[in-house]
Amino acid sequence: MRNRYLRRHSRKKNPNTVSVILIIIILILLIIIVGVGRHNILVKQREYDKKQAMLEEQIEQEKLRSEEIEEYGKYTKTKKFVEDMAKEKLGLVKDDEIVFKEGD
């Protein structure tokens, strides 16, 4: 009678233990998968943050460049620009200006 009790008792314990072990293994695997996925997402987020900072810097540089171009565009419409180009490109001078030339 004692043998029957041990057999029944051991049979009942064994399937439960295997089920619990399988559940624990599955949970550990899920935790590992979630952890690896989270790590990959964080790495990508850092890369995107760096790229965003770089692009924002480029935007600022382009805004400054745009302002410089706009100012130069306004300058080209002035009388001073015409005079400067005439002096530089054509060598022209005003009537009241004195010109100094280098000697040999």
PDB file of N, CA and C in Angstrom:
ATOM      1  N   MET A   1       0.800  -1.180   0.000  1.00  0.00           N
ATOM      2  CA  MET A   1       0.000   0.000   0.000  1.00  0.00           C
ATOM      3  C   MET A   1       0.861   1.270   0.000  1.00  0.00           C
ATOM      4  N   ARG A   2       1.928   1.174   0.634  1.00  0.00           N
ATOM      5  CA  ARG A   2       2.809   2.326   0.695  1.00  0.00           C
ATOM      6  C   ARG A   2       3.416   2.608  -0.683  1.00  0.00           C
ATOM      7  N   ASN A   3       3.720   1.583  -1.429  1.00  0.00           N
ATOM      8  CA  ASN A   3       4.256   1.751  -2.780  1.00  0.00           C
ATOM      9  C   ASN A   3       3.262   2.469  -3.684  1.00  0.00           C
ATOM     10  N   ARG A   4       2.018   2.132  -3.573  1.00  0.00           N
ATOM     11  CA  ARG A   4       0.997   2.774  -4.383  1.00  0.00           C
ATOM     12  C   ARG A   4       0.908   4.260  -4.056  1.00  0.00           C
ATOM     13  N   TYR A   5       1.004   4.576  -2.813  1.00  0.00           N
ATOM     14  CA  TYR A   5       0.937   5.974  -2.396  1.00  0.00           C
ATOM     15  C   TYR A   5       2.131   6.751  -2.934  1.00  0.00           C
ATOM     16  N   LEU A   6       3.312   6.171  -2.873  1.00  0.00           N
ATOM     17  CA  LEU A   6       4.521   6.840  -3.367  1.00  0.00           C
ATOM     18  C   LEU A   6       4.462   7.025  -4.880  1.00  0.00           C
ATOM     19  N   ARG A   7       3.978   6.016  -5.574  1.00  0.00           N
ATOM     20  CA  ARG A   7       3.882   6.127  -7.025  1.00  0.00           C
ATOM     21  C   ARG A   7       2.900   7.228  -7.436  1.00  0.00           C
ATOM     22  N   ARG A   8       1.774   7.247  -6.819  1.00  0.00           N
ATOM     23  CA  ARG A   8       0.771   8.272  -7.138  1.00  0.00           C
ATOM     24  C   ARG A   8       1.290   9.662  -6.761  1.00  0.00           C
ATOM     25  N   HIS A   9       1.908   9.739  -5.631  1.00  0.00           N
ATOM     26  CA  HIS A   9       2.401  11.023  -5.148  1.00  0.00           C
ATOM     27  C   HIS A   9       3.539  11.537  -6.027  1.00  0.00           C
ATOM     28  N   SER A  10       4.426  10.677  -6.434  1.00  0.00           N
ATOM     29  CA  SER A  10       5.547  11.083  -7.269  1.00  0.00           C
ATOM     30  C   SER A  10       5.075  11.434  -8.685  1.00  0.00           C
ATOM     31  N   ARG A  11       4.067  10.741  -9.180  1.00  0.00           N
ATOM     32  CA  ARG A  11       3.539  11.042 -10.505  1.00  0.00           C
ATOM     33  C   ARG A  11       2.869  12.422 -10.523  1.00  0.00           C
ATOM     34  N   LYS A  12       2.206  12.747  -9.484  1.00  0.00           N
ATOM     35  CA  LYS A  12       1.526  14.039  -9.429  1.00  0.00           C
ATOM     36  C   LYS A  12       2.542  15.179  -9.312  1.00  0.00           C
ATOM     37  N   LYS A  13       3.619  14.973  -8.632  1.00  0.00           N
ATOM     38  CA  LYS A  13       4.607  16.016  -8.435  1.00  0.00           C
ATOM     39  C   LYS A  13       5.403  16.257  -9.715  1.00  0.00           C
ATOM     40  N   ASN A  14       5.737  15.241 -10.415  1.00  0.00           N
ATOM     41  CA  ASN A  14       6.583  15.335 -11.587  1.00  0.00           C
ATOM     42  C   ASN A  14       5.971  16.210 -12.697  1.00  0.00           C
ATOM     43  N   PRO A  15       4.747  16.011 -13.117  1.00  0.00           N
ATOM     44  CA  PRO A  15       4.181  16.856 -14.171  1.00  0.00           C
ATOM     45  C   PRO A  15       4.083  18.321 -13.747  1.00  0.00           C
ATOM     46  N   ASN A  16       3.762  18.602 -12.531  1.00  0.00           N
ATOM     47  CA  ASN A  16       3.681  19.984 -12.058  1.00  0.00           C
ATOM     48  C   ASN A  16       5.056  20.639 -12.066  1.00  0.00           C
ATOM     49  N   THR A  17       6.057  19.902 -11.682  1.00  0.00           N
ATOM     50  CA  THR A  17       7.406  20.446 -11.634  1.00  0.00           C
ATOM     51  C   THR A  17       7.892  20.772 -13.051  1.00  0.00           C
ATOM     52  N   VAL A  18       7.625  19.895 -13.987  1.00  0.00           N
ATOM     53  CA  VAL A  18       8.025  20.129 -15.370  1.00  0.00           C
ATOM     54  C   VAL A  18       7.289  21.348 -15.923  1.00  0.00           C
ATOM     55  N   SER A  19       6.035  21.470 -15.640  1.00  0.00           N
ATOM     56  CA  SER A  19       5.250  22.622 -16.115  1.00  0.00           C
ATOM     57  C   SER A  19       5.803  23.924 -15.545  1.00  0.00           C
ATOM     58  N   VAL A  20       6.109  23.913 -14.282  1.00  0.00           N
ATOM     59  CA  VAL A  20       6.640  25.115 -13.633  1.00  0.00           C
ATOM     60  C   VAL A  20       7.986  25.478 -14.236  1.00  0.00           C
ATOM     61  N   ILE A  21       8.832  24.489 -14.469  1.00  0.00           N
ATOM     62  CA  ILE A  21      10.145  24.748 -15.057  1.00  0.00           C
ATOM     63  C   ILE A  21       9.990  25.308 -16.471  1.00  0.00           C
ATOM     64  N   LEU A  22       9.084  24.745 -17.257  1.00  0.00           N
ATOM     65  CA  LEU A  22       8.844  25.258 -18.612  1.00  0.00           C
ATOM     66  C   LEU A  22       8.334  26.699 -18.584  1.00  0.00           C
ATOM     67  N   ILE A  23       7.450  26.981 -17.675  1.00  0.00           N
ATOM     68  CA  ILE A  23       6.921  28.346 -17.555  1.00  0.00           C
ATOM     69  C   ILE A  23       8.033  29.308 -17.167  1.00  0.00           C
ATOM     70  N   ILE A  24       8.895  28.905 -16.249  1.00  0.00           N
ATOM     71  CA  ILE A  24      10.014  29.758 -15.825  1.00  0.00           C
ATOM     72  C   ILE A  24      10.970  29.994 -16.998  1.00  0.00           C
ATOM     73  N   ILE A  25      11.267  28.957 -17.761  1.00  0.00           N
ATOM     74  CA  ILE A  25      12.156  29.098 -18.915  1.00  0.00           C
ATOM     75  C   ILE A  25      11.551  30.047 -19.940  1.00  0.00           C
ATOM     76  N   ILE A  26      10.261  29.892 -20.196  1.00  0.00           N
ATOM     77  CA  ILE A  26       9.574  30.768 -21.152  1.00  0.00           C
ATOM     78  C   ILE A  26       9.610  32.216 -20.663  1.00  0.00           C
ATOM     79  N   LEU A  27       9.374  32.433 -19.380  1.00  0.00           N
ATOM     80  CA  LEU A  27       9.417  33.788 -18.831  1.00  0.00           C
ATOM     81  C   LEU A  27      10.821  34.388 -18.941  1.00  0.00           C
ATOM     82  N   ILE A  28      11.826  33.589 -18.665  1.00  0.00           N
ATOM     83  CA  ILE A  28      13.206  34.077 -18.779  1.00  0.00           C
ATOM     84  C   ILE A  28      13.518  34.450 -20.222  1.00  0.00           C
ATOM     85  N   LEU A  29      13.095  33.617 -21.164  1.00  0.00           N
ATOM     86  CA  LEU A  29      13.313  33.924 -22.583  1.00  0.00           C
ATOM     87  C   LEU A  29      12.592  35.203 -22.993  1.00  0.00           C
ATOM     88  N   LEU A  30      11.369  35.371 -22.533  1.00  0.00           N
ATOM     89  CA  LEU A  30      10.625  36.597 -22.837  1.00  0.00           C
ATOM     90  C   LEU A  30      11.321  37.825 -22.268  1.00  0.00           C
ATOM     91  N   ILE A  31      11.829  37.713 -21.053  1.00  0.00           N
ATOM     92  CA  ILE A  31      12.536  38.833 -20.431  1.00  0.00           C
ATOM     93  C   ILE A  31      13.793  39.168 -21.237  1.00  0.00           C
ATOM     94  N   ILE A  32      14.511  38.142 -21.690  1.00  0.00           N
ATOM     95  CA  ILE A  32      15.718  38.371 -22.491  1.00  0.00           C
ATOM     96  C   ILE A  32      15.361  39.033 -23.816  1.00  0.00           C
ATOM     97  N   ILE A  33      14.310  38.555 -24.471  1.00  0.00           N
ATOM     98  CA  ILE A  33      13.896  39.115 -25.756  1.00  0.00           C
ATOM     99  C   ILE A  33      13.478  40.575 -25.601  1.00  0.00           C
ATOM    100  N   VAL A  34      12.720  40.853 -24.567  1.00  0.00           N
ATOM    101  CA  VAL A  34      12.288  42.236 -24.321  1.00  0.00           C
ATOM    102  C   VAL A  34      13.497  43.119 -24.007  1.00  0.00           C
ATOM    103  N   GLY A  35      14.437  42.605 -23.228  1.00  0.00           N
ATOM    104  CA  GLY A  35      15.632  43.377 -22.886  1.00  0.00           C
ATOM    105  C   GLY A  35      16.481  43.698 -24.105  1.00  0.00           C
ATOM    106  N   VAL A  36      16.676  42.716 -24.976  1.00  0.00           N
ATOM    107  CA  VAL A  36      17.453  42.943 -26.198  1.00  0.00           C
ATOM    108  C   VAL A  36      16.733  43.944 -27.095  1.00  0.00           C
ATOM    109  N   GLY A  37      15.441  43.803 -27.223  1.00  0.00           N
ATOM    110  CA  GLY A  37      14.665  44.751 -28.032  1.00  0.00           C
ATOM    111  C   GLY A  37      14.760  46.165 -27.490  1.00  0.00           C
ATOM    112  N   ARG A  38      14.682  46.296 -26.192  1.00  0.00           N
ATOM    113  CA  ARG A  38      14.776  47.617 -25.550  1.00  0.00           C
ATOM    114  C   ARG A  38      16.158  48.219 -25.793  1.00  0.00           C
ATOM    115  N   HIS A  39      17.177  47.393 -25.676  1.00  0.00           N
ATOM    116  CA  HIS A  39      18.539  47.872 -25.905  1.00  0.00           C
ATOM    117  C   HIS A  39      18.699  48.378 -27.338  1.00  0.00           C
ATOM    118  N   ASN A  40      18.184  47.618 -28.304  1.00  0.00           N
ATOM    119  CA  ASN A  40      18.264  48.033 -29.706  1.00  0.00           C
ATOM    120  C   ASN A  40      17.535  49.349 -29.942  1.00  0.00           C
ATOM    121  N   ILE A  41      16.394  49.498 -29.316  1.00  0.00           N
ATOM    122  CA  ILE A  41      15.630  50.740 -29.458  1.00  0.00           C
ATOM    123  C   ILE A  41      16.403  51.913 -28.868  1.00  0.00           C
ATOM    124  N   LEU A  42      17.036  51.714 -27.722  1.00  0.00           N
ATOM    125  CA  LEU A  42      17.809  52.793 -27.105  1.00  0.00           C
ATOM    126  C   LEU A  42      19.009  53.185 -27.964  1.00  0.00           C
ATOM    127  N   VAL A  43      19.659  52.201 -28.574  1.00  0.00           N
ATOM    128  CA  VAL A  43      20.794  52.498 -29.457  1.00  0.00           C
ATOM    129  C   VAL A  43      20.318  53.321 -30.654  1.00  0.00           C
ATOM    130  N   LYS A  44      19.210  52.928 -31.257  1.00  0.00           N
ATOM    131  CA  LYS A  44      18.668  53.674 -32.394  1.00  0.00           C
ATOM    132  C   LYS A  44      18.257  55.080 -31.973  1.00  0.00           C
ATOM    133  N   GLN A  45      17.682  55.205 -30.777  1.00  0.00           N
ATOM    134  CA  GLN A  45      17.263  56.518 -30.285  1.00  0.00           C
ATOM    135  C   GLN A  45      18.463  57.448 -30.138  1.00  0.00           C
ATOM    136  N   ARG A  46      19.582  56.915 -29.629  1.00  0.00           N
ATOM    137  CA  ARG A  46      20.796  57.740 -29.498  1.00  0.00           C
ATOM    138  C   ARG A  46      21.291  58.188 -30.873  1.00  0.00           C
ATOM    139  N   GLU A  47      21.266  57.276 -31.835  1.00  0.00           N
ATOM    140  CA  GLU A  47      21.684  57.625 -33.190  1.00  0.00           C
ATOM    141  C   GLU A  47      20.778  58.719 -33.770  1.00  0.00           C
ATOM    142  N   TYR A  48      19.484  58.572 -33.586  1.00  0.00           N
ATOM    143  CA  TYR A  48      18.543  59.567 -34.097  1.00  0.00           C
ATOM    144  C   TYR A  48      18.729  60.911 -33.400  1.00  0.00           C
ATOM    145  N   ASP A  49      19.023  60.908 -32.107  1.00  0.00           N
ATOM    146  CA  ASP A  49      19.260  62.159 -31.385  1.00  0.00           C
ATOM    147  C   ASP A  49      20.493  62.874 -31.928  1.00  0.00           C
ATOM    148  N   LYS A  50      21.553  62.103 -32.211  1.00  0.00           N
ATOM    149  CA  LYS A  50      22.763  62.703 -32.784  1.00  0.00           C
ATOM    150  C   LYS A  50      22.469  63.284 -34.156  1.00  0.00           C
ATOM    151  N   LYS A  51      21.736  62.532 -34.968  1.00  0.00           N
ATOM    152  CA  LYS A  51      21.407  62.994 -36.315  1.00  0.00           C
ATOM    153  C   LYS A  51      20.531  64.249 -36.251  1.00  0.00           C
ATOM    154  N   GLN A  52      19.598  64.275 -35.307  1.00  0.00           N
ATOM    155  CA  GLN A  52      18.729  65.435 -35.163  1.00  0.00           C
ATOM    156  C   GLN A  52      19.538  66.666 -34.762  1.00  0.00           C
ATOM    157  N   ALA A  53      20.476  66.515 -33.838  1.00  0.00           N
ATOM    158  CA  ALA A  53      21.313  67.639 -33.422  1.00  0.00           C
ATOM    159  C   ALA A  53      22.142  68.149 -34.592  1.00  0.00           C
ATOM    160  N   MET A  54      22.683  67.230 -35.390  1.00  0.00           N
ATOM    161  CA  MET A  54      23.477  67.618 -36.548  1.00  0.00           C
ATOM    162  C   MET A  54      22.621  68.377 -37.564  1.00  0.00           C
ATOM    163  N   LEU A  55      21.413  67.891 -37.798  1.00  0.00           N
ATOM    164  CA  LEU A  55      20.530  68.547 -38.761  1.00  0.00           C
ATOM    165  C   LEU A  55      20.076  69.917 -38.262  1.00  0.00           C
ATOM    166  N   GLU A  56      19.840  70.035 -36.967  1.00  0.00           N
ATOM    167  CA  GLU A  56      19.459  71.338 -36.412  1.00  0.00           C
ATOM    168  C   GLU A  56      20.606  72.338 -36.562  1.00  0.00           C
ATOM    169  N   GLU A  57      21.836  71.871 -36.378  1.00  0.00           N
ATOM    170  CA  GLU A  57      23.003  72.731 -36.575  1.00  0.00           C
ATOM    171  C   GLU A  57      23.098  73.172 -38.037  1.00  0.00           C
ATOM    172  N   GLN A  58      22.848  72.258 -38.953  1.00  0.00           N
ATOM    173  CA  GLN A  58      22.869  72.609 -40.379  1.00  0.00           C
ATOM    174  C   GLN A  58      21.782  73.626 -40.708  1.00  0.00           C
ATOM    175  N   ILE A  59      20.625  73.481 -40.077  1.00  0.00           N
ATOM    176  CA  ILE A  59      19.534  74.435 -40.301  1.00  0.00           C
ATOM    177  C   ILE A  59      19.963  75.822 -39.852  1.00  0.00           C
ATOM    178  N   GLU A  60      20.595  75.911 -38.685  1.00  0.00           N
ATOM    179  CA  GLU A  60      21.067  77.200 -38.179  1.00  0.00           C
ATOM    180  C   GLU A  60      22.100  77.815 -39.122  1.00  0.00           C
ATOM    181  N   GLN A  61      23.022  76.993 -39.619  1.00  0.00           N
ATOM    182  CA  GLN A  61      24.033  77.493 -40.547  1.00  0.00           C
ATOM    183  C   GLN A  61      23.393  77.992 -41.841  1.00  0.00           C
ATOM    184  N   GLU A  62      22.404  77.269 -42.326  1.00  0.00           N
ATOM    185  CA  GLU A  62      21.725  77.677 -43.560  1.00  0.00           C
ATOM    186  C   GLU A  62      20.907  78.953 -43.345  1.00  0.00           C
ATOM    187  N   LYS A  63      20.335  79.125 -42.155  1.00  0.00           N
ATOM    188  CA  LYS A  63      19.606  80.364 -41.859  1.00  0.00           C
ATOM    189  C   LYS A  63      20.567  81.548 -41.881  1.00  0.00           C
ATOM    190  N   LEU A  64      21.754  81.372 -41.264  1.00  0.00           N
ATOM    191  CA  LEU A  64      22.750  82.446 -41.280  1.00  0.00           C
ATOM    192  C   LEU A  64      23.202  82.744 -42.707  1.00  0.00           C
ATOM    193  N   ARG A  65      23.428  81.697 -43.468  1.00  0.00           N
ATOM    194  CA  ARG A  65      23.850  81.871 -44.863  1.00  0.00           C
ATOM    195  C   ARG A  65      22.767  82.587 -45.657  1.00  0.00           C
ATOM    196  N   SER A  66      21.521  82.241 -45.410  1.00  0.00           N
ATOM    197  CA  SER A  66      20.405  82.875 -46.098  1.00  0.00           C
ATOM    198  C   SER A  66      20.337  84.365 -45.761  1.00  0.00           C
ATOM    199  N   GLU A  67      20.571  84.689 -44.491  1.00  0.00           N
ATOM    200  CA  GLU A  67      20.573  86.090 -44.089  1.00  0.00           C
ATOM    201  C   GLU A  67      21.711  86.850 -44.771  1.00  0.00           C
ATOM    202  N   GLU A  68      22.895  86.220 -44.857  1.00  0.00           N
ATOM    203  CA  GLU A  68      24.028  86.858 -45.529  1.00  0.00           C
ATOM    204  C   GLU A  68      23.713  87.101 -47.005  1.00  0.00           C
ATOM    205  N   ILE A  69      23.092  86.129 -47.650  1.00  0.00           N
ATOM    206  CA  ILE A  69      22.738  86.270 -49.064  1.00  0.00           C
ATOM    207  C   ILE A  69      21.711  87.383 -49.245  1.00  0.00           C
ATOM    208  N   GLU A  70      20.761  87.454 -48.331  1.00  0.00           N
ATOM    209  CA  GLU A  70      19.743  88.498 -48.405  1.00  0.00           C
ATOM    210  C   GLU A  70      20.374  89.885 -48.234  1.00  0.00           C
ATOM    211  N   GLU A  71      21.305  90.004 -47.293  1.00  0.00           N
ATOM    212  CA  GLU A  71      21.991  91.280 -47.089  1.00  0.00           C
ATOM    213  C   GLU A  71      22.830  91.645 -48.312  1.00  0.00           C
ATOM    214  N   TYR A  72      23.505  90.659 -48.884  1.00  0.00           N
ATOM    215  CA  TYR A  72      24.299  90.926 -50.080  1.00  0.00           C
ATOM    216  C   TYR A  72      23.393  91.340 -51.234  1.00  0.00           C
ATOM    217  N   GLY A  73      22.226  90.714 -51.324  1.00  0.00           N
ATOM    218  CA  GLY A  73      21.263  91.091 -52.367  1.00  0.00           C
ATOM    219  C   GLY A  73      20.824  92.539 -52.212  1.00  0.00           C
ATOM    220  N   LYS A  74      20.603  92.977 -50.992  1.00  0.00           N
ATOM    221  CA  LYS A  74      20.235  94.380 -50.751  1.00  0.00           C
ATOM    222  C   LYS A  74      21.407  95.299 -51.105  1.00  0.00           C
ATOM    223  N   TYR A  75      22.621  94.853 -50.758  1.00  0.00           N
ATOM    224  CA  TYR A  75      23.824  95.658 -51.041  1.00  0.00           C
ATOM    225  C   TYR A  75      24.035  95.824 -52.539  1.00  0.00           C
ATOM    226  N   THR A  76      23.737  94.775 -53.317  1.00  0.00           N
ATOM    227  CA  THR A  76      23.949  94.869 -54.769  1.00  0.00           C
ATOM    228  C   THR A  76      23.004  95.874 -55.422  1.00  0.00           C
ATOM    229  N   LYS A  77      21.946  96.254 -54.756  1.00  0.00           N
ATOM    230  CA  LYS A  77      20.990  97.211 -55.312  1.00  0.00           C
ATOM    231  C   LYS A  77      21.331  98.650 -54.921  1.00  0.00           C
ATOM    232  N   THR A  78      22.433  98.843 -54.203  1.00  0.00           N
ATOM    233  CA  THR A  78      22.794 100.184 -53.755  1.00  0.00           C
ATOM    234  C   THR A  78      23.776 100.835 -54.725  1.00  0.00           C
ATOM    235  N   LYS A  79      23.896 102.160 -54.588  1.00  0.00           N
ATOM    236  CA  LYS A  79      24.815 102.927 -55.404  1.00  0.00           C
ATOM    237  C   LYS A  79      26.262 102.592 -55.032  1.00  0.00           C
ATOM    238  N   LYS A  80      26.507 102.319 -53.758  1.00  0.00           N
ATOM    239  CA  LYS A  80      27.859 101.996 -53.288  1.00  0.00           C
ATOM    240  C   LYS A  80      28.378 100.736 -53.974  1.00  0.00           C
ATOM    241  N   PHE A  81      27.526  99.753 -54.175  1.00  0.00           N
ATOM    242  CA  PHE A  81      27.931  98.519 -54.852  1.00  0.00           C
ATOM    243  C   PHE A  81      28.383  98.820 -56.278  1.00  0.00           C
ATOM    244  N   VAL A  82      27.620  99.646 -56.957  1.00  0.00           N
ATOM    245  CA  VAL A  82      27.960 100.004 -58.345  1.00  0.00           C
ATOM    246  C   VAL A  82      29.308 100.715 -58.376  1.00  0.00           C
ATOM    247  N   GLU A  83      29.528 101.637 -57.438  1.00  0.00           N
ATOM    248  CA  GLU A  83      30.806 102.353 -57.380  1.00  0.00           C
ATOM    249  C   GLU A  83      31.963 101.396 -57.077  1.00  0.00           C
ATOM    250  N   ASP A  84      31.753 100.493 -56.121  1.00  0.00           N
ATOM    251  CA  ASP A  84      32.807  99.542 -55.758  1.00  0.00           C
ATOM    252  C   ASP A  84      33.162  98.636 -56.942  1.00  0.00           C
ATOM    253  N   MET A  85      32.179  98.161 -57.662  1.00  0.00           N
ATOM    254  CA  MET A  85      32.437  97.308 -58.817  1.00  0.00           C
ATOM    255  C   MET A  85      33.134  98.083 -59.931  1.00  0.00           C
ATOM    256  N   ALA A  86      32.748  99.348 -60.100  1.00  0.00           N
ATOM    257  CA  ALA A  86      33.392 100.171 -61.134  1.00  0.00           C
ATOM    258  C   ALA A  86      34.864 100.372 -60.788  1.00  0.00           C
ATOM    259  N   LYS A  87      35.166 100.596 -59.523  1.00  0.00           N
ATOM    260  CA  LYS A  87      36.563 100.761 -59.105  1.00  0.00           C
ATOM    261  C   LYS A  87      37.337  99.456 -59.262  1.00  0.00           C
ATOM    262  N   GLU A  88      36.736  98.376 -58.790  1.00  0.00           N
ATOM    263  CA  GLU A  88      37.432  97.086 -58.759  1.00  0.00           C
ATOM    264  C   GLU A  88      37.612  96.480 -60.148  1.00  0.00           C
ATOM    265  N   LYS A  89      36.563  96.418 -60.905  1.00  0.00           N
ATOM    266  CA  LYS A  89      36.599  95.720 -62.197  1.00  0.00           C
ATOM    267  C   LYS A  89      37.097  96.598 -63.341  1.00  0.00           C
ATOM    268  N   LEU A  90      36.664  97.847 -63.318  1.00  0.00           N
ATOM    269  CA  LEU A  90      36.979  98.716 -64.455  1.00  0.00           C
ATOM    270  C   LEU A  90      38.100  99.707 -64.165  1.00  0.00           C
ATOM    271  N   GLY A  91      38.458  99.859 -62.892  1.00  0.00           N
ATOM    272  CA  GLY A  91      39.523 100.789 -62.526  1.00  0.00           C
ATOM    273  C   GLY A  91      39.090 102.239 -62.584  1.00  0.00           C
ATOM    274  N   LEU A  92      37.795 102.505 -62.548  1.00  0.00           N
ATOM    275  CA  LEU A  92      37.282 103.873 -62.614  1.00  0.00           C
ATOM    276  C   LEU A  92      37.400 104.550 -61.251  1.00  0.00           C
ATOM    277  N   VAL A  93      37.514 105.867 -61.264  1.00  0.00           N
ATOM    278  CA  VAL A  93      37.562 106.660 -60.026  1.00  0.00           C
ATOM    279  C   VAL A  93      36.642 107.863 -60.182  1.00  0.00           C
ATOM    280  N   LYS A  94      36.270 108.453 -59.065  1.00  0.00           N
ATOM    281  CA  LYS A  94      35.455 109.665 -59.094  1.00  0.00           C
ATOM    282  C   LYS A  94      36.354 110.848 -59.440  1.00  0.00           C
ATOM    283  N   ASP A  95      35.711 111.939 -59.814  1.00  0.00           N
ATOM    284  CA  ASP A  95      36.463 113.129 -60.208  1.00  0.00           C
ATOM    285  C   ASP A  95      37.286 113.689 -59.055  1.00  0.00           C
ATOM    286  N   ASP A  96      36.772 113.623 -57.837  1.00  0.00           N
ATOM    287  CA  ASP A  96      37.451 114.249 -56.695  1.00  0.00           C
ATOM    288  C   ASP A  96      38.399 113.294 -55.955  1.00  0.00           C
ATOM    289  N   GLU A  97      38.636 112.107 -56.471  1.00  0.00           N
ATOM    290  CA  GLU A  97      39.523 111.135 -55.823  1.00  0.00           C
ATOM    291  C   GLU A  97      40.945 111.266 -56.358  1.00  0.00           C
ATOM    292  N   ILE A  98      41.903 111.017 -55.475  1.00  0.00           N
ATOM    293  CA  ILE A  98      43.304 111.006 -55.856  1.00  0.00           C
ATOM    294  C   ILE A  98      43.751 109.574 -55.960  1.00  0.00           C
ATOM    295  N   VAL A  99      44.429 109.241 -57.032  1.00  0.00           N
ATOM    296  CA  VAL A  99      44.862 107.864 -57.273  1.00  0.00           C
ATOM    297  C   VAL A  99      46.386 107.799 -57.092  1.00  0.00           C
ATOM    298  N   PHE A 100      46.825 106.853 -56.289  1.00  0.00           N
ATOM    299  CA  PHE A 100      48.254 106.615 -56.092  1.00  0.00           C
ATOM    300  C   PHE A 100      48.613 105.326 -56.812  1.00  0.00           C
ATOM    301  N   LYS A 101      49.684 105.395 -57.585  1.00  0.00           N
ATOM    302  CA  LYS A 101      50.145 104.209 -58.299  1.00  0.00           C
ATOM    303  C   LYS A 101      51.496 103.802 -57.766  1.00  0.00           C
ATOM    304  N   GLU A 102      51.720 102.501 -57.747  1.00  0.00           N
ATOM    305  CA  GLU A 102      53.025 101.996 -57.323  1.00  0.00           C
ATOM    306  C   GLU A 102      54.041 102.209 -58.413  1.00  0.00           C
ATOM    307  N   GLY A 103      55.231 102.547 -57.982  1.00  0.00           N
ATOM    308  CA  GLY A 103      56.297 102.732 -58.970  1.00  0.00           C
ATOM    309  C   GLY A 103      57.014 101.413 -59.217  1.00  0.00           C
ATOM    310  N   ASP A 104      57.795 101.396 -60.259  1.00  0.00           N
ATOM    311  CA  ASP A 104      58.541 100.183 -60.597  1.00  0.00           C
ATOM    312  C   ASP A 104      59.574  99.971 -59.593  1.00  0.00           C
TER     313      ASP A 104
END
